[in-house]
Amino acid sequence: MEAHRDEQTRTSRRYECLDAGCGAVIVAPDEAALVEAVHRHMAEEHGSFELEEVIIDMSTEVEHSAEVER
């Protein structure tokens, strides 16, 4: 039962784009995937980048079942 409980409490990371007027929310299963997804979003949508440290610092934990928005 304890292993099942741990699986239910796993978390993902969530980052909300800080560019004015964007509001995109990116959710990934871990920090590495989040950094990659945010870098891709910033390059494709804004022609810029965000520092890895900023992405991690500004991200929050969310329940594992959260939907990924791209």
Protein backbone atom coordinates (compact mmCIF):
# COMPACT_ATOMS: atom_id res chain seq x y z
CA MET A 1 0.00 0.00 0.00
CA GLU A 2 2.84 2.41 0.78
CA ALA A 3 4.37 2.06 -2.72
CA HIS A 4 1.00 2.89 -4.26
CA ARG A 5 0.75 5.98 -2.07
CA ASP A 6 4.20 7.18 -3.22
CA GLU A 7 3.18 6.79 -6.85
CA GLN A 8 0.12 8.97 -6.29
CA THR A 9 2.17 11.76 -4.73
CA ARG A 10 4.81 12.09 -7.48
CA THR A 11 5.10 15.65 -8.74
CA SER A 12 5.87 17.42 -11.97
CA ARG A 13 7.27 20.92 -12.43
CA ARG A 14 5.23 23.86 -13.75
CA TYR A 15 6.55 27.08 -15.30
CA GLU A 16 4.51 30.07 -16.45
CA CYS A 17 6.11 32.13 -19.22
CA LEU A 18 7.19 35.53 -17.91
CA ASP A 19 7.08 37.33 -21.26
CA ALA A 20 4.46 40.09 -21.27
CA GLY A 21 1.13 38.93 -22.64
CA CYS A 22 2.19 35.31 -23.19
CA GLY A 23 0.78 33.38 -20.24
CA ALA A 24 1.87 29.98 -21.57
CA VAL A 25 2.06 27.30 -18.89
CA ILE A 26 4.55 24.49 -19.37
CA VAL A 27 4.42 21.33 -17.26
CA ALA A 28 7.05 18.60 -17.38
CA PRO A 29 7.79 15.47 -15.34
CA ASP A 30 11.09 16.78 -13.95
CA GLU A 31 13.47 19.77 -13.95
CA ALA A 32 15.52 18.61 -16.94
CA ALA A 33 12.44 18.11 -19.12
CA LEU A 34 11.03 21.45 -17.95
CA VAL A 35 14.19 23.34 -18.87
CA GLU A 36 14.19 21.72 -22.31
CA ALA A 37 10.51 22.52 -22.90
CA VAL A 38 10.88 26.14 -21.75
CA HIS A 39 13.97 26.64 -23.90
CA ARG A 40 12.01 25.29 -26.89
CA HIS A 41 9.00 27.54 -26.11
CA MET A 42 11.16 30.64 -25.71
CA ALA A 43 13.03 30.01 -28.98
CA GLU A 44 9.92 29.19 -31.03
CA GLU A 45 7.47 31.73 -29.60
CA HIS A 46 9.70 34.64 -28.58
CA GLY A 47 13.00 34.24 -30.41
CA SER A 48 14.78 34.44 -27.05
CA PHE A 49 15.87 32.25 -24.15
CA GLU A 50 15.54 31.92 -20.40
CA LEU A 51 18.33 30.95 -18.03
CA GLU A 52 18.10 27.45 -16.55
CA GLU A 53 18.42 28.85 -13.03
CA VAL A 54 15.49 31.21 -13.60
CA ILE A 55 13.34 28.41 -15.00
CA ILE A 56 13.98 26.21 -11.99
CA ASP A 57 13.63 29.03 -9.45
CA MET A 58 10.35 30.24 -10.96
CA SER A 59 8.86 26.77 -11.37
CA THR A 60 6.52 25.13 -8.89
CA GLU A 61 5.64 21.56 -8.04
CA VAL A 62 2.31 20.23 -9.29
CA GLU A 63 0.56 16.90 -8.94
CA HIS A 64 1.83 14.27 -11.37
CA SER A 65 -1.57 14.08 -13.09
CA ALA A 66 -1.44 17.71 -14.34
CA GLU A 67 -1.90 18.18 -18.07
CA VAL A 68 0.99 19.37 -20.21
CA GLU A 69 0.34 22.56 -22.16
CA ARG A 70 2.62 23.44 -25.05
